[in-house]
Amino acid sequence: PIRFYSTHLDHRSPDERLTQIRHLMERVLAYP
């Protein structure tokens, strides 16, 4: 079993992407 994530991040702002990545990493790492 493997988890796959089809991802599409913001295209305008590195600040927004960074916030999105931190949120995503929290959810992905908390899954187990």
PDB file of all heavy atoms in Angstrom:
ATOM      1  N   PRO A   1       0.836  -1.215   0.000  1.00  0.00           N
ATOM      2  CA  PRO A   1       0.000   0.000   0.000  1.00  0.00           C
ATOM      3  C   PRO A   1       0.866   1.259   0.000  1.00  0.00           C
ATOM      4  O   PRO A   1       1.825   1.369   0.755  1.00  0.00           O
ATOM      5  CB  PRO A   1      -0.810  -0.128   1.285  1.00  0.00           C
ATOM      6  CG  PRO A   1      -0.001  -1.026   2.168  1.00  0.00           C
ATOM      7  CD  PRO A   1       0.714  -1.972   1.262  1.00  0.00           C
ATOM      8  N   ILE A   2       0.516   2.198  -0.883  1.00  0.00           N
ATOM      9  CA  ILE A   2       1.228   3.469  -1.002  1.00  0.00           C
ATOM     10  C   ILE A   2       0.194   4.578  -1.146  1.00  0.00           C
ATOM     11  O   ILE A   2      -0.831   4.410  -1.820  1.00  0.00           O
ATOM     12  CB  ILE A   2       2.183   3.480  -2.217  1.00  0.00           C
ATOM     13  CG1 ILE A   2       3.272   2.410  -2.067  1.00  0.00           C
ATOM     14  CG2 ILE A   2       2.839   4.847  -2.383  1.00  0.00           C
ATOM     15  CD1 ILE A   2       4.204   2.309  -3.271  1.00  0.00           C
ATOM     16  N   ARG A   3       0.473   5.716  -0.532  1.00  0.00           N
ATOM     17  CA  ARG A   3      -0.378   6.892  -0.716  1.00  0.00           C
ATOM     18  C   ARG A   3       0.192   7.755  -1.844  1.00  0.00           C
ATOM     19  O   ARG A   3       1.396   8.014  -1.880  1.00  0.00           O
ATOM     20  CB  ARG A   3      -0.427   7.718   0.578  1.00  0.00           C
ATOM     21  CG  ARG A   3      -1.145   7.035   1.714  1.00  0.00           C
ATOM     22  CD  ARG A   3      -1.014   7.818   2.991  1.00  0.00           C
ATOM     23  NE  ARG A   3       0.315   7.715   3.579  1.00  0.00           N
ATOM     24  CZ  ARG A   3       1.014   8.742   4.053  1.00  0.00           C
ATOM     25  NH1 ARG A   3       0.545   9.985   3.972  1.00  0.00           N
ATOM     26  NH2 ARG A   3       2.199   8.554   4.603  1.00  0.00           N
ATOM     27  N   PHE A   4      -0.678   8.178  -2.736  1.00  0.00           N
ATOM     28  CA  PHE A   4      -0.285   9.054  -3.834  1.00  0.00           C
ATOM     29  C   PHE A   4      -1.042  10.374  -3.714  1.00  0.00           C
ATOM     30  O   PHE A   4      -2.224  10.393  -3.347  1.00  0.00           O
ATOM     31  CB  PHE A   4      -0.595   8.397  -5.185  1.00  0.00           C
ATOM     32  CG  PHE A   4       0.232   7.177  -5.470  1.00  0.00           C
ATOM     33  CD1 PHE A   4      -0.210   5.920  -5.077  1.00  0.00           C
ATOM     34  CD2 PHE A   4       1.455   7.274  -6.113  1.00  0.00           C
ATOM     35  CE1 PHE A   4       0.547   4.786  -5.321  1.00  0.00           C
ATOM     36  CE2 PHE A   4       2.224   6.161  -6.370  1.00  0.00           C
ATOM     37  CZ  PHE A   4       1.768   4.903  -5.969  1.00  0.00           C
ATOM     38  N   TYR A   5      -0.354  11.473  -4.045  1.00  0.00           N
ATOM     39  CA  TYR A   5      -0.935  12.806  -3.923  1.00  0.00           C
ATOM     40  C   TYR A   5      -0.748  13.558  -5.240  1.00  0.00           C
ATOM     41  O   TYR A   5       0.378  13.876  -5.624  1.00  0.00           O
ATOM     42  CB  TYR A   5      -0.259  13.576  -2.788  1.00  0.00           C
ATOM     43  CG  TYR A   5      -0.501  12.985  -1.419  1.00  0.00           C
ATOM     44  CD1 TYR A   5       0.245  11.893  -0.970  1.00  0.00           C
ATOM     45  CD2 TYR A   5      -1.489  13.488  -0.588  1.00  0.00           C
ATOM     46  CE1 TYR A   5       0.020  11.336   0.281  1.00  0.00           C
ATOM     47  CE2 TYR A   5      -1.721  12.944   0.667  1.00  0.00           C
ATOM     48  CZ  TYR A   5      -0.966  11.860   1.094  1.00  0.00           C
ATOM     49  OH  TYR A   5      -1.196  11.307   2.334  1.00  0.00           O
ATOM     50  N   SER A   6      -1.856  13.820  -5.942  1.00  0.00           N
ATOM     51  CA  SER A   6      -1.813  14.639  -7.147  1.00  0.00           C
ATOM     52  C   SER A   6      -1.927  16.094  -6.720  1.00  0.00           C
ATOM     53  O   SER A   6      -2.957  16.519  -6.187  1.00  0.00           O
ATOM     54  CB  SER A   6      -2.942  14.258  -8.107  1.00  0.00           C
ATOM     55  OG  SER A   6      -2.844  14.976  -9.321  1.00  0.00           O
ATOM     56  N   THR A   7      -0.875  16.862  -6.975  1.00  0.00           N
ATOM     57  CA  THR A   7      -0.657  18.154  -6.319  1.00  0.00           C
ATOM     58  C   THR A   7      -0.639  19.293  -7.330  1.00  0.00           C
ATOM     59  O   THR A   7      -0.055  19.174  -8.403  1.00  0.00           O
ATOM     60  CB  THR A   7       0.694  18.126  -5.572  1.00  0.00           C
ATOM     61  OG1 THR A   7       0.739  16.994  -4.709  1.00  0.00           O
ATOM     62  CG2 THR A   7       0.916  19.397  -4.775  1.00  0.00           C
ATOM     63  N   HIS A   8      -1.255  20.415  -6.954  1.00  0.00           N
ATOM     64  CA  HIS A   8      -1.199  21.616  -7.782  1.00  0.00           C
ATOM     65  C   HIS A   8      -1.124  22.829  -6.852  1.00  0.00           C
ATOM     66  O   HIS A   8      -2.119  23.212  -6.227  1.00  0.00           O
ATOM     67  CB  HIS A   8      -2.429  21.712  -8.686  1.00  0.00           C
ATOM     68  CG  HIS A   8      -2.327  22.762  -9.731  1.00  0.00           C
ATOM     69  ND1 HIS A   8      -3.438  23.301 -10.376  1.00  0.00           N
ATOM     70  CD2 HIS A   8      -1.258  23.405 -10.266  1.00  0.00           C
ATOM     71  CE1 HIS A   8      -3.039  24.201 -11.260  1.00  0.00           C
ATOM     72  NE2 HIS A   8      -1.723  24.287 -11.202  1.00  0.00           N
ATOM     73  N   LEU A   9       0.060  23.425  -6.774  1.00  0.00           N
ATOM     74  CA  LEU A   9       0.279  24.558  -5.877  1.00  0.00           C
ATOM     75  C   LEU A   9       0.122  25.896  -6.606  1.00  0.00           C
ATOM     76  O   LEU A   9       0.102  25.957  -7.831  1.00  0.00           O
ATOM     77  CB  LEU A   9       1.678  24.476  -5.253  1.00  0.00           C
ATOM     78  CG  LEU A   9       2.007  23.226  -4.443  1.00  0.00           C
ATOM     79  CD1 LEU A   9       3.381  23.388  -3.785  1.00  0.00           C
ATOM     80  CD2 LEU A   9       0.949  22.933  -3.397  1.00  0.00           C
ATOM     81  N   ASP A  10       0.068  26.962  -5.809  1.00  0.00           N
ATOM     82  CA  ASP A  10      -0.100  28.321  -6.326  1.00  0.00           C
ATOM     83  C   ASP A  10       1.003  28.686  -7.320  1.00  0.00           C
ATOM     84  O   ASP A  10       2.163  28.295  -7.152  1.00  0.00           O
ATOM     85  CB  ASP A  10      -0.082  29.310  -5.154  1.00  0.00           C
ATOM     86  CG  ASP A  10      -0.305  30.736  -5.609  1.00  0.00           C
ATOM     87  OD1 ASP A  10      -1.453  31.083  -5.913  1.00  0.00           O
ATOM     88  OD2 ASP A  10       0.684  31.492  -5.678  1.00  0.00           O
ATOM     89  N   HIS A  11       0.637  29.448  -8.355  1.00  0.00           N
ATOM     90  CA  HIS A  11       1.593  29.800  -9.408  1.00  0.00           C
ATOM     91  C   HIS A  11       2.107  31.234  -9.295  1.00  0.00           C
ATOM     92  O   HIS A  11       2.975  31.635 -10.066  1.00  0.00           O
ATOM     93  CB  HIS A  11       0.947  29.623 -10.783  1.00  0.00           C
ATOM     94  CG  HIS A  11      -0.127  30.632 -11.086  1.00  0.00           C
ATOM     95  ND1 HIS A  11      -1.345  30.645 -10.433  1.00  0.00           N
ATOM     96  CD2 HIS A  11      -0.174  31.655 -11.989  1.00  0.00           C
ATOM     97  CE1 HIS A  11      -2.083  31.626 -10.903  1.00  0.00           C
ATOM     98  NE2 HIS A  11      -1.404  32.271 -11.839  1.00  0.00           N
ATOM     99  N   ARG A  12       1.600  32.027  -8.323  1.00  0.00           N
ATOM    100  CA  ARG A  12       1.926  33.454  -8.297  1.00  0.00           C
ATOM    101  C   ARG A  12       2.892  33.852  -7.198  1.00  0.00           C
ATOM    102  O   ARG A  12       3.670  34.780  -7.348  1.00  0.00           O
ATOM    103  CB  ARG A  12       0.650  34.285  -8.084  1.00  0.00           C
ATOM    104  CG  ARG A  12      -0.547  33.958  -8.922  1.00  0.00           C
ATOM    105  CD  ARG A  12      -1.825  34.491  -8.266  1.00  0.00           C
ATOM    106  NE  ARG A  12      -1.927  34.041  -6.884  1.00  0.00           N
ATOM    107  CZ  ARG A  12      -1.769  34.819  -5.826  1.00  0.00           C
ATOM    108  NH1 ARG A  12      -1.545  36.105  -5.978  1.00  0.00           N
ATOM    109  NH2 ARG A  12      -1.839  34.317  -4.613  1.00  0.00           N
ATOM    110  N   SER A  13       2.804  33.154  -6.041  1.00  0.00           N
ATOM    111  CA  SER A  13       3.474  33.672  -4.851  1.00  0.00           C
ATOM    112  C   SER A  13       4.252  32.576  -4.121  1.00  0.00           C
ATOM    113  O   SER A  13       3.657  31.595  -3.662  1.00  0.00           O
ATOM    114  CB  SER A  13       2.435  34.269  -3.896  1.00  0.00           C
ATOM    115  OG  SER A  13       2.993  34.499  -2.620  1.00  0.00           O
ATOM    116  N   PRO A  14       5.572  32.746  -3.950  1.00  0.00           N
ATOM    117  CA  PRO A  14       6.331  31.773  -3.155  1.00  0.00           C
ATOM    118  C   PRO A  14       5.888  31.748  -1.701  1.00  0.00           C
ATOM    119  O   PRO A  14       5.964  30.705  -1.045  1.00  0.00           O
ATOM    120  CB  PRO A  14       7.781  32.241  -3.302  1.00  0.00           C
ATOM    121  CG  PRO A  14       7.706  33.652  -3.776  1.00  0.00           C
ATOM    122  CD  PRO A  14       6.442  33.774  -4.544  1.00  0.00           C
ATOM    123  N   ASP A  15       5.409  32.870  -1.181  1.00  0.00           N
ATOM    124  CA  ASP A  15       4.912  32.893   0.190  1.00  0.00           C
ATOM    125  C   ASP A  15       3.692  31.989   0.334  1.00  0.00           C
ATOM    126  O   ASP A  15       3.576  31.230   1.302  1.00  0.00           O
ATOM    127  CB  ASP A  15       4.545  34.326   0.606  1.00  0.00           C
ATOM    128  CG  ASP A  15       5.757  35.238   0.722  1.00  0.00           C
ATOM    129  OD1 ASP A  15       6.846  34.721   1.022  1.00  0.00           O
ATOM    130  OD2 ASP A  15       5.614  36.454   0.502  1.00  0.00           O
ATOM    131  N   GLU A  16       2.800  32.071  -0.638  1.00  0.00           N
ATOM    132  CA  GLU A  16       1.605  31.227  -0.576  1.00  0.00           C
ATOM    133  C   GLU A  16       1.962  29.757  -0.765  1.00  0.00           C
ATOM    134  O   GLU A  16       1.419  28.878  -0.094  1.00  0.00           O
ATOM    135  CB  GLU A  16       0.576  31.674  -1.623  1.00  0.00           C
ATOM    136  CG  GLU A  16      -0.762  30.982  -1.491  1.00  0.00           C
ATOM    137  CD  GLU A  16      -1.934  31.925  -1.711  1.00  0.00           C
ATOM    138  OE1 GLU A  16      -1.888  33.063  -1.205  1.00  0.00           O
ATOM    139  OE2 GLU A  16      -2.886  31.509  -2.371  1.00  0.00           O
ATOM    140  N   ARG A  17       2.904  29.483  -1.676  1.00  0.00           N
ATOM    141  CA  ARG A  17       3.332  28.096  -1.877  1.00  0.00           C
ATOM    142  C   ARG A  17       3.943  27.529  -0.595  1.00  0.00           C
ATOM    143  O   ARG A  17       3.698  26.365  -0.247  1.00  0.00           O
ATOM    144  CB  ARG A  17       4.350  28.008  -3.023  1.00  0.00           C
ATOM    145  CG  ARG A  17       3.730  28.120  -4.393  1.00  0.00           C
ATOM    146  CD  ARG A  17       4.710  27.689  -5.474  1.00  0.00           C
ATOM    147  NE  ARG A  17       5.890  28.549  -5.561  1.00  0.00           N
ATOM    148  CZ  ARG A  17       5.952  29.650  -6.290  1.00  0.00           C
ATOM    149  NH1 ARG A  17       4.895  30.052  -6.986  1.00  0.00           N
ATOM    150  NH2 ARG A  17       7.069  30.360  -6.336  1.00  0.00           N
ATOM    151  N   LEU A  18       4.730  28.328   0.087  1.00  0.00           N
ATOM    152  CA  LEU A  18       5.376  27.857   1.309  1.00  0.00           C
ATOM    153  C   LEU A  18       4.335  27.513   2.373  1.00  0.00           C
ATOM    154  O   LEU A  18       4.435  26.484   3.056  1.00  0.00           O
ATOM    155  CB  LEU A  18       6.341  28.921   1.828  1.00  0.00           C
ATOM    156  CG  LEU A  18       7.405  28.479   2.833  1.00  0.00           C
ATOM    157  CD1 LEU A  18       8.217  27.308   2.307  1.00  0.00           C
ATOM    158  CD2 LEU A  18       8.317  29.655   3.169  1.00  0.00           C
ATOM    159  N   THR A  19       3.324  28.359   2.499  1.00  0.00           N
ATOM    160  CA  THR A  19       2.236  28.080   3.437  1.00  0.00           C
ATOM    161  C   THR A  19       1.503  26.806   3.041  1.00  0.00           C
ATOM    162  O   THR A  19       1.161  25.971   3.895  1.00  0.00           O
ATOM    163  CB  THR A  19       1.260  29.262   3.475  1.00  0.00           C
ATOM    164  OG1 THR A  19       1.951  30.446   3.874  1.00  0.00           O
ATOM    165  CG2 THR A  19       0.120  29.003   4.448  1.00  0.00           C
ATOM    166  N   GLN A  20       1.253  26.627   1.742  1.00  0.00           N
ATOM    167  CA  GLN A  20       0.557  25.437   1.267  1.00  0.00           C
ATOM    168  C   GLN A  20       1.378  24.171   1.514  1.00  0.00           C
ATOM    169  O   GLN A  20       0.842  23.131   1.912  1.00  0.00           O
ATOM    170  CB  GLN A  20       0.245  25.589  -0.222  1.00  0.00           C
ATOM    171  CG  GLN A  20      -0.793  26.660  -0.516  1.00  0.00           C
ATOM    172  CD  GLN A  20      -0.982  26.930  -2.003  1.00  0.00           C
ATOM    173  OE1 GLN A  20      -0.150  26.540  -2.825  1.00  0.00           O
ATOM    174  NE2 GLN A  20      -2.066  27.598  -2.343  1.00  0.00           N
ATOM    175  N   ILE A  21       2.686  24.252   1.276  1.00  0.00           N
ATOM    176  CA  ILE A  21       3.549  23.087   1.469  1.00  0.00           C
ATOM    177  C   ILE A  21       3.603  22.690   2.937  1.00  0.00           C
ATOM    178  O   ILE A  21       3.543  21.503   3.282  1.00  0.00           O
ATOM    179  CB  ILE A  21       4.960  23.365   0.914  1.00  0.00           C
ATOM    180  CG1 ILE A  21       4.917  23.426  -0.615  1.00  0.00           C
ATOM    181  CG2 ILE A  21       5.949  22.301   1.375  1.00  0.00           C
ATOM    182  CD1 ILE A  21       6.170  23.975  -1.244  1.00  0.00           C
ATOM    183  N   ARG A  22       3.707  23.657   3.825  1.00  0.00           N
ATOM    184  CA  ARG A  22       3.735  23.338   5.255  1.00  0.00           C
ATOM    185  C   ARG A  22       2.448  22.637   5.677  1.00  0.00           C
ATOM    186  O   ARG A  22       2.471  21.658   6.429  1.00  0.00           O
ATOM    187  CB  ARG A  22       3.951  24.618   6.066  1.00  0.00           C
ATOM    188  CG  ARG A  22       5.377  25.154   5.977  1.00  0.00           C
ATOM    189  CD  ARG A  22       5.491  26.535   6.579  1.00  0.00           C
ATOM    190  NE  ARG A  22       6.871  27.018   6.557  1.00  0.00           N
ATOM    191  CZ  ARG A  22       7.209  28.298   6.606  1.00  0.00           C
ATOM    192  NH1 ARG A  22       6.256  29.234   6.689  1.00  0.00           N
ATOM    193  NH2 ARG A  22       8.484  28.651   6.576  1.00  0.00           N
ATOM    194  N   HIS A  23       1.326  23.126   5.183  1.00  0.00           N
ATOM    195  CA  HIS A  23       0.043  22.509   5.494  1.00  0.00           C
ATOM    196  C   HIS A  23      -0.017  21.090   4.932  1.00  0.00           C
ATOM    197  O   HIS A  23      -0.436  20.148   5.629  1.00  0.00           O
ATOM    198  CB  HIS A  23      -1.092  23.358   4.909  1.00  0.00           C
ATOM    199  CG  HIS A  23      -2.454  22.787   5.134  1.00  0.00           C
ATOM    200  ND1 HIS A  23      -3.160  22.970   6.304  1.00  0.00           N
ATOM    201  CD2 HIS A  23      -3.244  22.014   4.340  1.00  0.00           C
ATOM    202  CE1 HIS A  23      -4.317  22.351   6.225  1.00  0.00           C
ATOM    203  NE2 HIS A  23      -4.397  21.763   5.041  1.00  0.00           N
ATOM    204  N   LEU A  24       0.421  20.928   3.688  1.00  0.00           N
ATOM    205  CA  LEU A  24       0.393  19.614   3.058  1.00  0.00           C
ATOM    206  C   LEU A  24       1.298  18.632   3.793  1.00  0.00           C
ATOM    207  O   LEU A  24       0.906  17.472   4.044  1.00  0.00           O
ATOM    208  CB  LEU A  24       0.827  19.735   1.597  1.00  0.00           C
ATOM    209  CG  LEU A  24       1.015  18.423   0.824  1.00  0.00           C
ATOM    210  CD1 LEU A  24      -0.288  17.633   0.780  1.00  0.00           C
ATOM    211  CD2 LEU A  24       1.521  18.706  -0.583  1.00  0.00           C
ATOM    212  N   MET A  25       2.508  19.053   4.133  1.00  0.00           N
ATOM    213  CA  MET A  25       3.443  18.172   4.823  1.00  0.00           C
ATOM    214  C   MET A  25       2.884  17.709   6.174  1.00  0.00           C
ATOM    215  O   MET A  25       3.054  16.546   6.574  1.00  0.00           O
ATOM    216  CB  MET A  25       4.785  18.871   5.014  1.00  0.00           C
ATOM    217  CG  MET A  25       5.537  19.156   3.719  1.00  0.00           C
ATOM    218  SD  MET A  25       6.259  17.680   2.973  1.00  0.00           S
ATOM    219  CE  MET A  25       7.699  17.454   4.018  1.00  0.00           C
ATOM    220  N   GLU A  26       2.205  18.586   6.874  1.00  0.00           N
ATOM    221  CA  GLU A  26       1.594  18.208   8.147  1.00  0.00           C
ATOM    222  C   GLU A  26       0.571  17.092   7.954  1.00  0.00           C
ATOM    223  O   GLU A  26       0.544  16.109   8.692  1.00  0.00           O
ATOM    224  CB  GLU A  26       0.921  19.426   8.795  1.00  0.00           C
ATOM    225  CG  GLU A  26       1.881  20.435   9.396  1.00  0.00           C
ATOM    226  CD  GLU A  26       1.157  21.616   9.995  1.00  0.00           C
ATOM    227  OE1 GLU A  26      -0.107  21.634   9.957  1.00  0.00           O
ATOM    228  OE2 GLU A  26       1.828  22.536  10.513  1.00  0.00           O
ATOM    229  N   ARG A  27      -0.264  17.241   6.928  1.00  0.00           N
ATOM    230  CA  ARG A  27      -1.309  16.227   6.685  1.00  0.00           C
ATOM    231  C   ARG A  27      -0.697  14.912   6.225  1.00  0.00           C
ATOM    232  O   ARG A  27      -1.104  13.835   6.642  1.00  0.00           O
ATOM    233  CB  ARG A  27      -2.297  16.744   5.637  1.00  0.00           C
ATOM    234  CG  ARG A  27      -3.052  17.989   6.045  1.00  0.00           C
ATOM    235  CD  ARG A  27      -4.250  17.718   6.954  1.00  0.00           C
ATOM    236  NE  ARG A  27      -3.961  17.027   8.190  1.00  0.00           N
ATOM    237  CZ  ARG A  27      -3.352  17.598   9.260  1.00  0.00           C
ATOM    238  NH1 ARG A  27      -2.990  18.875   9.209  1.00  0.00           N
ATOM    239  NH2 ARG A  27      -3.131  16.910  10.352  1.00  0.00           N
ATOM    240  N   VAL A  28       0.276  14.985   5.336  1.00  0.00           N
ATOM    241  CA  VAL A  28       0.876  13.771   4.784  1.00  0.00           C
ATOM    242  C   VAL A  28       1.622  12.997   5.863  1.00  0.00           C
ATOM    243  O   VAL A  28       1.493  11.767   5.973  1.00  0.00           O
ATOM    244  CB  VAL A  28       1.817  14.121   3.611  1.00  0.00           C
ATOM    245  CG1 VAL A  28       2.603  12.901   3.170  1.00  0.00           C
ATOM    246  CG2 VAL A  28       1.019  14.677   2.435  1.00  0.00           C
ATOM    247  N   LEU A  29       2.400  13.690   6.679  1.00  0.00           N
ATOM    248  CA  LEU A  29       3.202  13.021   7.695  1.00  0.00           C
ATOM    249  C   LEU A  29       2.349  12.516   8.857  1.00  0.00           C
ATOM    250  O   LEU A  29       2.736  11.571   9.555  1.00  0.00           O
ATOM    251  CB  LEU A  29       4.288  13.967   8.213  1.00  0.00           C
ATOM    252  CG  LEU A  29       5.348  14.367   7.176  1.00  0.00           C
ATOM    253  CD1 LEU A  29       6.291  15.417   7.749  1.00  0.00           C
ATOM    254  CD2 LEU A  29       6.139  13.148   6.704  1.00  0.00           C
ATOM    255  N   ALA A  30       1.189  13.109   9.061  1.00  0.00           N
ATOM    256  CA  ALA A  30       0.310  12.677  10.155  1.00  0.00           C
ATOM    257  C   ALA A  30      -0.560  11.488   9.773  1.00  0.00           C
ATOM    258  O   ALA A  30      -1.237  10.909  10.637  1.00  0.00           O
ATOM    259  CB  ALA A  30      -0.576  13.842  10.601  1.00  0.00           C
ATOM    260  N   TYR A  31      -0.555  11.104   8.503  1.00  0.00           N
ATOM    261  CA  TYR A  31      -1.472  10.067   8.025  1.00  0.00           C
ATOM    262  C   TYR A  31      -1.368   8.754   8.803  1.00  0.00           C
ATOM    263  O   TYR A  31      -2.399   8.181   9.177  1.00  0.00           O
ATOM    264  CB  TYR A  31      -1.246   9.822   6.539  1.00  0.00           C
ATOM    265  CG  TYR A  31      -2.280   8.935   5.884  1.00  0.00           C
ATOM    266  CD1 TYR A  31      -3.342   9.487   5.176  1.00  0.00           C
ATOM    267  CD2 TYR A  31      -2.201   7.547   5.958  1.00  0.00           C
ATOM    268  CE1 TYR A  31      -4.291   8.683   4.567  1.00  0.00           C
ATOM    269  CE2 TYR A  31      -3.146   6.732   5.370  1.00  0.00           C
ATOM    270  CZ  TYR A  31      -4.184   7.312   4.667  1.00  0.00           C
ATOM    271  OH  TYR A  31      -5.132   6.506   4.074  1.00  0.00           O
ATOM    272  N   PRO A  32      -0.157   8.215   9.051  1.00  0.00           N
ATOM    273  CA  PRO A  32      -0.105   6.937   9.776  1.00  0.00           C
ATOM    274  C   PRO A  32      -0.764   7.013  11.154  1.00  0.00           C
ATOM    275  O   PRO A  32      -1.294   6.014  11.642  1.00  0.00           O
ATOM    276  CB  PRO A  32       1.405   6.677   9.896  1.00  0.00           C
ATOM    277  CG  PRO A  32       2.006   7.403   8.736  1.00  0.00           C
ATOM    278  CD  PRO A  32       1.187   8.658   8.617  1.00  0.00           C
TER     279      PRO A  32
END
